[in-house]
């Protein structure tokens, strides 16, 4: 370890340049990861708000409505199905028309339809659920916000594609810049490398010090970047708590694993630390191998 820091001190400008590139890359990528995770969690929440509302004919028996509800549950495409009876529908109507007694006098529970309010697991399932129940006996009308759902799906798709493109671009540019910086640093030791090769040193032996230096720089940059990122998350947690009051915890789904991204918590902080560490390790390894290959 002492030899690594000694080598880094001998080339302070190249060391500072490499450390700066890594630091700002990890800080920017970590910040983008946190922001996109939060936005994706918010989108996941918003996507579940549109719902299918199934209105039944006035004389449809409750047992038939419950049978349809059970069939919808069996599809495993709904997170929640709420039954609104005629009496409950009347209470809702009564509350909404409390400023207009004339409308209330003209209405009774017997003429209001019972309904099912269906929340889907994914917005893609809403049209499927609507089509599934539309032809069932006793169903009078099926409503869902088709335009809102399509807009949400397009927005989600755009954000995911933009995020993937940006991360790929950031990674490629970071590798190019860091490889160039390391190449200048390695060029200063070109004579030393030639002597080692004449003495029979293997490529792995020659490459090892540069790889170790790169990893060390990556660790330092990761520590510095994550210190700032953690401080920002703790600050934003306090600032945004009141702003997002009433919104349930936001969750990011990674395959079959769910990760709570809001409010910020220890698990999410550790996950962010892991993402930036892997990102840093990948960049430093690829850059150091690419740079050293020019002289081996």
C-alpha atoms as a PDB file:
ATOM      1  CA  UNK A   1       0.000   0.000   0.000  1.00  0.00           C
ATOM      2  CA  UNK A   2       2.879   2.379   0.798  1.00  0.00           C
ATOM      3  CA  UNK A   3       4.354   1.766  -2.642  1.00  0.00           C
ATOM      4  CA  UNK A   4       1.002   2.650  -4.246  1.00  0.00           C
ATOM      5  CA  UNK A   5       0.739   5.994  -2.450  1.00  0.00           C
ATOM      6  CA  UNK A   6       4.425   6.695  -3.136  1.00  0.00           C
ATOM      7  CA  UNK A   7       3.833   6.146  -6.851  1.00  0.00           C
ATOM      8  CA  UNK A   8       0.758   8.363  -6.752  1.00  0.00           C
ATOM      9  CA  UNK A   9       2.706  11.170  -5.056  1.00  0.00           C
ATOM     10  CA  UNK A  10       5.425  11.018  -7.703  1.00  0.00           C
ATOM     11  CA  UNK A  11       2.915  11.993 -10.412  1.00  0.00           C
ATOM     12  CA  UNK A  12       0.636  14.432  -8.575  1.00  0.00           C
ATOM     13  CA  UNK A  13      -0.900  16.079 -11.633  1.00  0.00           C
ATOM     14  CA  UNK A  14      -1.855  12.820 -13.330  1.00  0.00           C
ATOM     15  CA  UNK A  15      -3.109  11.456 -10.006  1.00  0.00           C
ATOM     16  CA  UNK A  16      -5.228  14.535  -9.401  1.00  0.00           C
ATOM     17  CA  UNK A  17      -6.626  14.397 -12.958  1.00  0.00           C
ATOM     18  CA  UNK A  18      -7.541  10.703 -12.674  1.00  0.00           C
ATOM     19  CA  UNK A  19      -9.045  11.157  -9.203  1.00  0.00           C
ATOM     20  CA  UNK A  20     -11.046  14.175 -10.354  1.00  0.00           C
ATOM     21  CA  UNK A  21     -12.452  12.338 -13.376  1.00  0.00           C
ATOM     22  CA  UNK A  22     -13.482   9.384 -11.219  1.00  0.00           C
ATOM     23  CA  UNK A  23     -14.912  11.577  -8.476  1.00  0.00           C
ATOM     24  CA  UNK A  24     -17.103  13.693 -10.738  1.00  0.00           C
ATOM     25  CA  UNK A  25     -18.152  10.654 -12.774  1.00  0.00           C
ATOM     26  CA  UNK A  26     -19.253   8.751  -9.662  1.00  0.00           C
ATOM     27  CA  UNK A  27     -20.870  11.832  -8.128  1.00  0.00           C
ATOM     28  CA  UNK A  28     -22.840  12.514 -11.304  1.00  0.00           C
ATOM     29  CA  UNK A  29     -23.760   8.878 -11.934  1.00  0.00           C
ATOM     30  CA  UNK A  30     -24.748   8.385  -8.272  1.00  0.00           C
ATOM     31  CA  UNK A  31     -26.860  11.524  -8.311  1.00  0.00           C
ATOM     32  CA  UNK A  32     -28.556  10.432 -11.529  1.00  0.00           C
ATOM     33  CA  UNK A  33     -29.147   6.963 -10.104  1.00  0.00           C
ATOM     34  CA  UNK A  34     -30.813   8.417  -7.000  1.00  0.00           C
ATOM     35  CA  UNK A  35     -32.908  10.825  -9.072  1.00  0.00           C
ATOM     36  CA  UNK A  36     -34.013   8.190 -11.574  1.00  0.00           C
ATOM     37  CA  UNK A  37     -34.764   5.694  -8.802  1.00  0.00           C
ATOM     38  CA  UNK A  38     -36.951   8.284  -7.105  1.00  0.00           C
ATOM     39  CA  UNK A  39     -38.698   9.204 -10.361  1.00  0.00           C
ATOM     40  CA  UNK A  40     -39.227   5.550 -11.244  1.00  0.00           C
ATOM     41  CA  UNK A  41     -40.684   4.895  -7.792  1.00  0.00           C
ATOM     42  CA  UNK A  42     -42.961   7.900  -8.230  1.00  0.00           C
ATOM     43  CA  UNK A  43     -44.001   6.647 -11.672  1.00  0.00           C
ATOM     44  CA  UNK A  44     -44.728   3.203 -10.238  1.00  0.00           C
ATOM     45  CA  UNK A  45     -47.012   4.884  -7.714  1.00  0.00           C
ATOM     46  CA  UNK A  46     -48.717   7.104 -10.306  1.00  0.00           C
ATOM     47  CA  UNK A  47     -49.190   4.167 -12.671  1.00  0.00           C
ATOM     48  CA  UNK A  48     -51.332   2.396 -10.089  1.00  0.00           C
ATOM     49  CA  UNK A  49     -53.712   5.347  -9.632  1.00  0.00           C
ATOM     50  CA  UNK A  50     -55.808   4.882 -12.818  1.00  0.00           C
ATOM     51  CA  UNK A  51     -58.412   2.214 -12.243  1.00  0.00           C
ATOM     52  CA  UNK A  52     -61.138   0.302 -13.995  1.00  0.00           C
ATOM     53  CA  UNK A  53     -64.646   1.061 -12.709  1.00  0.00           C
ATOM     54  CA  UNK A  54     -67.304  -1.529 -13.501  1.00  0.00           C
ATOM     55  CA  UNK A  55     -70.921  -0.368 -13.145  1.00  0.00           C
ATOM     56  CA  UNK A  56     -73.591  -3.041 -12.848  1.00  0.00           C
ATOM     57  CA  UNK A  57     -77.230  -3.044 -13.798  1.00  0.00           C
ATOM     58  CA  UNK A  58     -79.476  -1.943 -10.944  1.00  0.00           C
ATOM     59  CA  UNK A  59     -81.088  -5.370 -10.477  1.00  0.00           C
ATOM     60  CA  UNK A  60     -77.864  -7.381 -10.572  1.00  0.00           C
ATOM     61  CA  UNK A  61     -77.676  -9.587  -7.419  1.00  0.00           C
ATOM     62  CA  UNK A  62     -74.714  -9.115  -5.103  1.00  0.00           C
ATOM     63  CA  UNK A  63     -73.737 -12.780  -5.452  1.00  0.00           C
ATOM     64  CA  UNK A  64     -73.255 -12.289  -9.200  1.00  0.00           C
ATOM     65  CA  UNK A  65     -71.126  -9.190  -8.571  1.00  0.00           C
ATOM     66  CA  UNK A  66     -69.002 -11.104  -6.055  1.00  0.00           C
ATOM     67  CA  UNK A  67     -68.609 -13.958  -8.547  1.00  0.00           C
ATOM     68  CA  UNK A  68     -67.239 -11.499 -11.117  1.00  0.00           C
ATOM     69  CA  UNK A  69     -64.948 -10.036  -8.450  1.00  0.00           C
ATOM     70  CA  UNK A  70     -63.570 -13.505  -7.723  1.00  0.00           C
ATOM     71  CA  UNK A  71     -62.929 -14.102 -11.421  1.00  0.00           C
ATOM     72  CA  UNK A  72     -60.975 -10.844 -11.644  1.00  0.00           C
ATOM     73  CA  UNK A  73     -58.929 -11.814  -8.571  1.00  0.00           C
ATOM     74  CA  UNK A  74     -58.128 -15.157 -10.207  1.00  0.00           C
ATOM     75  CA  UNK A  75     -56.387 -13.357 -13.093  1.00  0.00           C
ATOM     76  CA  UNK A  76     -53.692 -12.088 -10.653  1.00  0.00           C
ATOM     77  CA  UNK A  77     -53.688  -8.753 -12.464  1.00  0.00           C
ATOM     78  CA  UNK A  78     -55.375  -6.652  -9.771  1.00  0.00           C
ATOM     79  CA  UNK A  79     -53.881  -5.351  -6.548  1.00  0.00           C
ATOM     80  CA  UNK A  80     -57.175  -4.303  -4.996  1.00  0.00           C
ATOM     81  CA  UNK A  81     -60.856  -4.627  -5.855  1.00  0.00           C
ATOM     82  CA  UNK A  82     -63.298  -2.415  -3.963  1.00  0.00           C
ATOM     83  CA  UNK A  83     -67.021  -3.167  -3.969  1.00  0.00           C
ATOM     84  CA  UNK A  84     -69.307  -0.104  -3.839  1.00  0.00           C
ATOM     85  CA  UNK A  85     -72.863  -1.137  -2.963  1.00  0.00           C
ATOM     86  CA  UNK A  86     -75.949   0.874  -3.920  1.00  0.00           C
ATOM     87  CA  UNK A  87     -76.198   2.279  -0.376  1.00  0.00           C
ATOM     88  CA  UNK A  88     -72.543   3.294  -0.409  1.00  0.00           C
ATOM     89  CA  UNK A  89     -72.991   4.833  -3.869  1.00  0.00           C
ATOM     90  CA  UNK A  90     -75.913   6.837  -2.478  1.00  0.00           C
ATOM     91  CA  UNK A  91     -73.764   8.110   0.418  1.00  0.00           C
ATOM     92  CA  UNK A  92     -71.102   9.212  -2.055  1.00  0.00           C
ATOM     93  CA  UNK A  93     -73.719  10.890  -4.255  1.00  0.00           C
ATOM     94  CA  UNK A  94     -75.321  12.531  -1.208  1.00  0.00           C
ATOM     95  CA  UNK A  95     -72.013  14.012  -0.140  1.00  0.00           C
ATOM     96  CA  UNK A  96     -71.224  15.329  -3.622  1.00  0.00           C
ATOM     97  CA  UNK A  97     -74.653  16.988  -3.998  1.00  0.00           C
ATOM     98  CA  UNK A  98     -75.082  18.317  -0.463  1.00  0.00           C
ATOM     99  CA  UNK A  99     -75.230  21.854  -1.853  1.00  0.00           C
ATOM    100  CA  UNK A 100     -78.075  20.957  -4.208  1.00  0.00           C
ATOM    101  CA  UNK A 101     -81.020  19.508  -2.216  1.00  0.00           C
ATOM    102  CA  UNK A 102     -83.204  19.264  -5.335  1.00  0.00           C
ATOM    103  CA  UNK A 103     -80.891  16.704  -6.960  1.00  0.00           C
ATOM    104  CA  UNK A 104     -80.792  14.734  -3.738  1.00  0.00           C
ATOM    105  CA  UNK A 105     -84.599  14.591  -3.497  1.00  0.00           C
ATOM    106  CA  UNK A 106     -84.811  13.125  -7.005  1.00  0.00           C
ATOM    107  CA  UNK A 107     -82.421  10.266  -6.172  1.00  0.00           C
ATOM    108  CA  UNK A 108     -82.677   7.150  -4.040  1.00  0.00           C
ATOM    109  CA  UNK A 109     -80.296   4.205  -3.423  1.00  0.00           C
ATOM    110  CA  UNK A 110     -82.481   1.930  -5.563  1.00  0.00           C
ATOM    111  CA  UNK A 111     -81.712   3.766  -8.802  1.00  0.00           C
ATOM    112  CA  UNK A 112     -77.918   4.008  -8.314  1.00  0.00           C
ATOM    113  CA  UNK A 113     -75.779   1.141  -9.640  1.00  0.00           C
ATOM    114  CA  UNK A 114     -73.372  -0.942  -7.591  1.00  0.00           C
ATOM    115  CA  UNK A 115     -69.809  -0.961  -8.867  1.00  0.00           C
ATOM    116  CA  UNK A 116     -66.355  -2.466  -8.594  1.00  0.00           C
ATOM    117  CA  UNK A 117     -63.255  -0.268  -8.501  1.00  0.00           C
ATOM    118  CA  UNK A 118     -60.243  -2.243  -9.717  1.00  0.00           C
ATOM    119  CA  UNK A 119     -56.599  -1.248  -9.210  1.00  0.00           C
ATOM    120  CA  UNK A 120     -54.232  -3.101 -11.552  1.00  0.00           C
ATOM    121  CA  UNK A 121     -50.718  -4.324 -10.798  1.00  0.00           C
ATOM    122  CA  UNK A 122     -49.492  -2.696 -14.010  1.00  0.00           C
ATOM    123  CA  UNK A 123     -51.194  -0.075 -16.200  1.00  0.00           C
ATOM    124  CA  UNK A 124     -50.830  -2.480 -19.142  1.00  0.00           C
ATOM    125  CA  UNK A 125     -53.380  -4.729 -17.413  1.00  0.00           C
ATOM    126  CA  UNK A 126     -56.134  -2.102 -17.276  1.00  0.00           C
ATOM    127  CA  UNK A 127     -57.336  -2.532 -20.896  1.00  0.00           C
ATOM    128  CA  UNK A 128     -57.175  -6.316 -20.461  1.00  0.00           C
ATOM    129  CA  UNK A 129     -59.276  -6.179 -17.290  1.00  0.00           C
ATOM    130  CA  UNK A 130     -61.765  -3.807 -18.938  1.00  0.00           C
ATOM    131  CA  UNK A 131     -62.167  -6.155 -21.903  1.00  0.00           C
ATOM    132  CA  UNK A 132     -62.379  -9.173 -19.590  1.00  0.00           C
ATOM    133  CA  UNK A 133     -65.368  -7.844 -17.617  1.00  0.00           C
ATOM    134  CA  UNK A 134     -67.183  -5.917 -20.349  1.00  0.00           C
ATOM    135  CA  UNK A 135     -69.027  -8.914 -21.712  1.00  0.00           C
ATOM    136  CA  UNK A 136     -70.040 -10.475 -18.403  1.00  0.00           C
ATOM    137  CA  UNK A 137     -73.726 -10.732 -17.440  1.00  0.00           C
ATOM    138  CA  UNK A 138     -75.069  -7.901 -15.322  1.00  0.00           C
ATOM    139  CA  UNK A 139     -72.343  -5.439 -16.379  1.00  0.00           C
ATOM    140  CA  UNK A 140     -73.814  -2.160 -17.557  1.00  0.00           C
ATOM    141  CA  UNK A 141     -70.708  -0.022 -18.229  1.00  0.00           C
ATOM    142  CA  UNK A 142     -66.915  -0.212 -17.907  1.00  0.00           C
ATOM    143  CA  UNK A 143     -64.817   2.928 -17.545  1.00  0.00           C
ATOM    144  CA  UNK A 144     -61.079   3.557 -17.419  1.00  0.00           C
ATOM    145  CA  UNK A 145     -58.870   6.513 -18.357  1.00  0.00           C
ATOM    146  CA  UNK A 146     -57.429   5.213 -21.613  1.00  0.00           C
ATOM    147  CA  UNK A 147     -55.638   8.435 -22.623  1.00  0.00           C
ATOM    148  CA  UNK A 148     -54.048   8.889 -19.185  1.00  0.00           C
ATOM    149  CA  UNK A 149     -52.805   5.302 -19.194  1.00  0.00           C
ATOM    150  CA  UNK A 150     -51.281   5.627 -22.667  1.00  0.00           C
ATOM    151  CA  UNK A 151     -49.539   8.866 -21.672  1.00  0.00           C
ATOM    152  CA  UNK A 152     -48.143   7.245 -18.527  1.00  0.00           C
ATOM    153  CA  UNK A 153     -46.846   4.265 -20.471  1.00  0.00           C
ATOM    154  CA  UNK A 154     -45.163   6.527 -23.032  1.00  0.00           C
ATOM    155  CA  UNK A 155     -43.602   8.660 -20.274  1.00  0.00           C
ATOM    156  CA  UNK A 156     -42.297   5.592 -18.422  1.00  0.00           C
ATOM    157  CA  UNK A 157     -40.821   4.128 -21.600  1.00  0.00           C
ATOM    158  CA  UNK A 158     -39.113   7.418 -22.487  1.00  0.00           C
ATOM    159  CA  UNK A 159     -37.542   7.785 -19.036  1.00  0.00           C
ATOM    160  CA  UNK A 160     -36.220   4.217 -19.058  1.00  0.00           C
ATOM    161  CA  UNK A 161     -34.688   4.576 -22.525  1.00  0.00           C
ATOM    162  CA  UNK A 162     -33.171   7.965 -21.683  1.00  0.00           C
ATOM    163  CA  UNK A 163     -31.675   6.619 -18.453  1.00  0.00           C
ATOM    164  CA  UNK A 164     -30.159   3.599 -20.202  1.00  0.00           C
ATOM    165  CA  UNK A 165     -28.651   5.766 -22.950  1.00  0.00           C
ATOM    166  CA  UNK A 166     -27.250   8.314 -20.507  1.00  0.00           C
ATOM    167  CA  UNK A 167     -25.604   5.709 -18.260  1.00  0.00           C
ATOM    168  CA  UNK A 168     -24.048   4.009 -21.284  1.00  0.00           C
ATOM    169  CA  UNK A 169     -22.762   7.352 -22.585  1.00  0.00           C
ATOM    170  CA  UNK A 170     -21.414   8.344 -19.162  1.00  0.00           C
ATOM    171  CA  UNK A 171     -19.612   5.024 -18.758  1.00  0.00           C
ATOM    172  CA  UNK A 172     -17.995   5.127 -22.224  1.00  0.00           C
ATOM    173  CA  UNK A 173     -16.859   8.741 -21.856  1.00  0.00           C
ATOM    174  CA  UNK A 174     -15.470   8.077 -18.381  1.00  0.00           C
ATOM    175  CA  UNK A 175     -13.451   5.114 -19.644  1.00  0.00           C
ATOM    176  CA  UNK A 176     -12.083   7.159 -22.557  1.00  0.00           C
ATOM    177  CA  UNK A 177     -11.077  10.119 -20.377  1.00  0.00           C
ATOM    178  CA  UNK A 178      -9.579   7.971 -17.622  1.00  0.00           C
ATOM    179  CA  UNK A 179      -7.720   5.769 -20.113  1.00  0.00           C
ATOM    180  CA  UNK A 180      -6.172   8.859 -21.701  1.00  0.00           C
ATOM    181  CA  UNK A 181      -5.157  10.226 -18.307  1.00  0.00           C
ATOM    182  CA  UNK A 182      -3.631   6.915 -17.229  1.00  0.00           C
ATOM    183  CA  UNK A 183      -1.803   6.626 -20.542  1.00  0.00           C
ATOM    184  CA  UNK A 184       0.082   9.848 -19.812  1.00  0.00           C
ATOM    185  CA  UNK A 185       0.927   8.509 -16.384  1.00  0.00           C
ATOM    186  CA  UNK A 186       2.145   5.174 -17.773  1.00  0.00           C
ATOM    187  CA  UNK A 187       4.138   6.916 -20.528  1.00  0.00           C
ATOM    188  CA  UNK A 188       6.322   8.487 -17.858  1.00  0.00           C
ATOM    189  CA  UNK A 189       7.377   4.986 -16.825  1.00  0.00           C
ATOM    190  CA  UNK A 190       7.935   3.652 -20.343  1.00  0.00           C
ATOM    191  CA  UNK A 191      11.660   3.150 -19.812  1.00  0.00           C
ATOM    192  CA  UNK A 192      10.998   1.320 -16.552  1.00  0.00           C
ATOM    193  CA  UNK A 193       8.518  -0.969 -18.316  1.00  0.00           C
ATOM    194  CA  UNK A 194      11.040  -1.776 -21.067  1.00  0.00           C
ATOM    195  CA  UNK A 195      13.682  -2.680 -18.505  1.00  0.00           C
ATOM    196  CA  UNK A 196      11.231  -4.976 -16.676  1.00  0.00           C
ATOM    197  CA  UNK A 197      10.352  -6.712 -19.945  1.00  0.00           C
ATOM    198  CA  UNK A 198      14.032  -7.234 -20.747  1.00  0.00           C
ATOM    199  CA  UNK A 199      14.452  -8.810 -17.319  1.00  0.00           C
ATOM    200  CA  UNK A 200      11.652 -11.269 -18.156  1.00  0.00           C
ATOM    201  CA  UNK A 201       8.787  -9.774 -16.157  1.00  0.00           C
ATOM    202  CA  UNK A 202       5.347 -11.005 -17.189  1.00  0.00           C
ATOM    203  CA  UNK A 203       2.651  -8.682 -18.423  1.00  0.00           C
ATOM    204  CA  UNK A 204       0.601  -9.365 -15.291  1.00  0.00           C
ATOM    205  CA  UNK A 205       3.527  -8.358 -13.072  1.00  0.00           C
ATOM    206  CA  UNK A 206       4.064  -5.124 -14.989  1.00  0.00           C
ATOM    207  CA  UNK A 207       0.362  -4.310 -15.123  1.00  0.00           C
ATOM    208  CA  UNK A 208      -0.360  -5.026 -11.423  1.00  0.00           C
ATOM    209  CA  UNK A 209       0.957  -1.714  -9.963  1.00  0.00           C
ATOM    210  CA  UNK A 210      -1.081   0.356 -12.419  1.00  0.00           C
ATOM    211  CA  UNK A 211      -4.225  -1.691 -11.790  1.00  0.00           C
ATOM    212  CA  UNK A 212      -3.742  -1.376  -8.035  1.00  0.00           C
ATOM    213  CA  UNK A 213      -3.236   2.375  -8.342  1.00  0.00           C
ATOM    214  CA  UNK A 214      -6.412   2.684 -10.408  1.00  0.00           C
ATOM    215  CA  UNK A 215      -8.419   0.651  -7.908  1.00  0.00           C
ATOM    216  CA  UNK A 216      -7.032   2.775  -5.067  1.00  0.00           C
ATOM    217  CA  UNK A 217      -8.087   5.943  -6.895  1.00  0.00           C
ATOM    218  CA  UNK A 218     -11.479   4.367  -7.479  1.00  0.00           C
ATOM    219  CA  UNK A 219     -11.888   3.610  -3.773  1.00  0.00           C
ATOM    220  CA  UNK A 220     -10.937   7.176  -2.815  1.00  0.00           C
ATOM    221  CA  UNK A 221     -13.271   8.661  -5.422  1.00  0.00           C
ATOM    222  CA  UNK A 222     -16.095   6.341  -4.279  1.00  0.00           C
ATOM    223  CA  UNK A 223     -15.650   7.404  -0.644  1.00  0.00           C
ATOM    224  CA  UNK A 224     -15.600  11.110  -1.502  1.00  0.00           C
ATOM    225  CA  UNK A 225     -18.566  10.882  -3.901  1.00  0.00           C
ATOM    226  CA  UNK A 226     -20.723   8.783  -1.588  1.00  0.00           C
ATOM    227  CA  UNK A 227     -20.009  11.045   1.376  1.00  0.00           C
ATOM    228  CA  UNK A 228     -21.540  13.915  -0.587  1.00  0.00           C
ATOM    229  CA  UNK A 229     -24.399  11.756  -1.919  1.00  0.00           C
ATOM    230  CA  UNK A 230     -25.327  10.484   1.549  1.00  0.00           C
ATOM    231  CA  UNK A 231     -25.271  14.043   2.878  1.00  0.00           C
ATOM    232  CA  UNK A 232     -27.568  15.140   0.045  1.00  0.00           C
ATOM    233  CA  UNK A 233     -29.994  12.268   0.685  1.00  0.00           C
ATOM    234  CA  UNK A 234     -30.203  13.060   4.397  1.00  0.00           C
ATOM    235  CA  UNK A 235     -30.779  16.743   3.616  1.00  0.00           C
ATOM    236  CA  UNK A 236     -33.410  16.023   0.958  1.00  0.00           C
ATOM    237  CA  UNK A 237     -35.158  13.579   3.283  1.00  0.00           C
ATOM    238  CA  UNK A 238     -35.888  16.403   5.695  1.00  0.00           C
ATOM    239  CA  UNK A 239     -36.768  18.930   2.985  1.00  0.00           C
ATOM    240  CA  UNK A 240     -39.059  16.730   0.875  1.00  0.00           C
ATOM    241  CA  UNK A 241     -40.894  14.992   3.728  1.00  0.00           C
ATOM    242  CA  UNK A 242     -43.451  17.778   4.042  1.00  0.00           C
ATOM    243  CA  UNK A 243     -43.675  18.267   0.274  1.00  0.00           C
ATOM    244  CA  UNK A 244     -44.588  14.603  -0.335  1.00  0.00           C
ATOM    245  CA  UNK A 245     -46.779  14.241   2.737  1.00  0.00           C
ATOM    246  CA  UNK A 246     -49.616  11.791   2.089  1.00  0.00           C
ATOM    247  CA  UNK A 247     -47.723   9.797  -0.550  1.00  0.00           C
ATOM    248  CA  UNK A 248     -47.000   6.230   0.578  1.00  0.00           C
ATOM    249  CA  UNK A 249     -43.439   4.834   0.493  1.00  0.00           C
ATOM    250  CA  UNK A 250     -42.179   4.688  -3.106  1.00  0.00           C
ATOM    251  CA  UNK A 251     -40.798   1.376  -4.319  1.00  0.00           C
ATOM    252  CA  UNK A 252     -38.431   0.492  -7.143  1.00  0.00           C
ATOM    253  CA  UNK A 253     -38.750  -3.002  -8.615  1.00  0.00           C
ATOM    254  CA  UNK A 254     -35.501  -4.639  -9.737  1.00  0.00           C
ATOM    255  CA  UNK A 255     -36.535  -7.949 -11.240  1.00  0.00           C
ATOM    256  CA  UNK A 256     -38.443  -9.710  -8.466  1.00  0.00           C
ATOM    257  CA  UNK A 257     -36.845  -7.604  -5.717  1.00  0.00           C
ATOM    258  CA  UNK A 258     -38.543  -4.468  -4.392  1.00  0.00           C
ATOM    259  CA  UNK A 259     -36.460  -1.607  -3.017  1.00  0.00           C
ATOM    260  CA  UNK A 260     -37.948   1.303  -1.090  1.00  0.00           C
ATOM    261  CA  UNK A 261     -36.518   4.525  -2.502  1.00  0.00           C
ATOM    262  CA  UNK A 262     -38.593   7.008  -0.535  1.00  0.00           C
ATOM    263  CA  UNK A 263     -38.276   7.974   2.213  1.00  0.00           C
ATOM    264  CA  UNK A 264     -34.512   7.449   1.828  1.00  0.00           C
ATOM    265  CA  UNK A 265     -33.382   4.696   4.157  1.00  0.00           C
ATOM    266  CA  UNK A 266     -30.283   2.718   5.140  1.00  0.00           C
ATOM    267  CA  UNK A 267     -30.982  -0.099   2.646  1.00  0.00           C
ATOM    268  CA  UNK A 268     -31.282   2.325  -0.271  1.00  0.00           C
ATOM    269  CA  UNK A 269     -28.145   4.196   0.848  1.00  0.00           C
ATOM    270  CA  UNK A 270     -26.187   0.926   0.981  1.00  0.00           C
ATOM    271  CA  UNK A 271     -27.595  -0.069  -2.415  1.00  0.00           C
ATOM    272  CA  UNK A 272     -26.461   3.269  -3.875  1.00  0.00           C
ATOM    273  CA  UNK A 273     -23.030   2.720  -2.339  1.00  0.00           C
ATOM    274  CA  UNK A 274     -22.895  -0.720  -3.968  1.00  0.00           C
ATOM    275  CA  UNK A 275     -23.929   0.632  -7.381  1.00  0.00           C
ATOM    276  CA  UNK A 276     -21.298   3.388  -7.371  1.00  0.00           C
ATOM    277  CA  UNK A 277     -18.630   0.956  -6.111  1.00  0.00           C
ATOM    278  CA  UNK A 278     -19.337  -1.526  -8.914  1.00  0.00           C
ATOM    279  CA  UNK A 279     -19.421   1.342 -11.421  1.00  0.00           C
ATOM    280  CA  UNK A 280     -16.073   2.592 -10.115  1.00  0.00           C
ATOM    281  CA  UNK A 281     -14.473  -0.863 -10.178  1.00  0.00           C
ATOM    282  CA  UNK A 282     -15.628  -1.495 -13.742  1.00  0.00           C
ATOM    283  CA  UNK A 283     -14.308   1.863 -14.998  1.00  0.00           C
ATOM    284  CA  UNK A 284     -10.929   1.552 -13.274  1.00  0.00           C
ATOM    285  CA  UNK A 285     -10.323  -2.034 -14.404  1.00  0.00           C
ATOM    286  CA  UNK A 286     -11.282  -1.404 -18.029  1.00  0.00           C
ATOM    287  CA  UNK A 287      -9.337   1.873 -18.158  1.00  0.00           C
ATOM    288  CA  UNK A 288      -6.176   0.475 -16.553  1.00  0.00           C
ATOM    289  CA  UNK A 289      -6.156  -2.639 -18.748  1.00  0.00           C
ATOM    290  CA  UNK A 290      -6.751  -0.566 -21.875  1.00  0.00           C
ATOM    291  CA  UNK A 291      -4.034   1.943 -20.986  1.00  0.00           C
ATOM    292  CA  UNK A 292      -1.390  -0.663 -20.053  1.00  0.00           C
ATOM    293  CA  UNK A 293      -2.033  -2.773 -23.169  1.00  0.00           C
ATOM    294  CA  UNK A 294      -0.536   0.002 -25.293  1.00  0.00           C
ATOM    295  CA  UNK A 295       2.851  -0.628 -23.686  1.00  0.00           C
ATOM    296  CA  UNK A 296       2.768  -4.399 -23.235  1.00  0.00           C
END
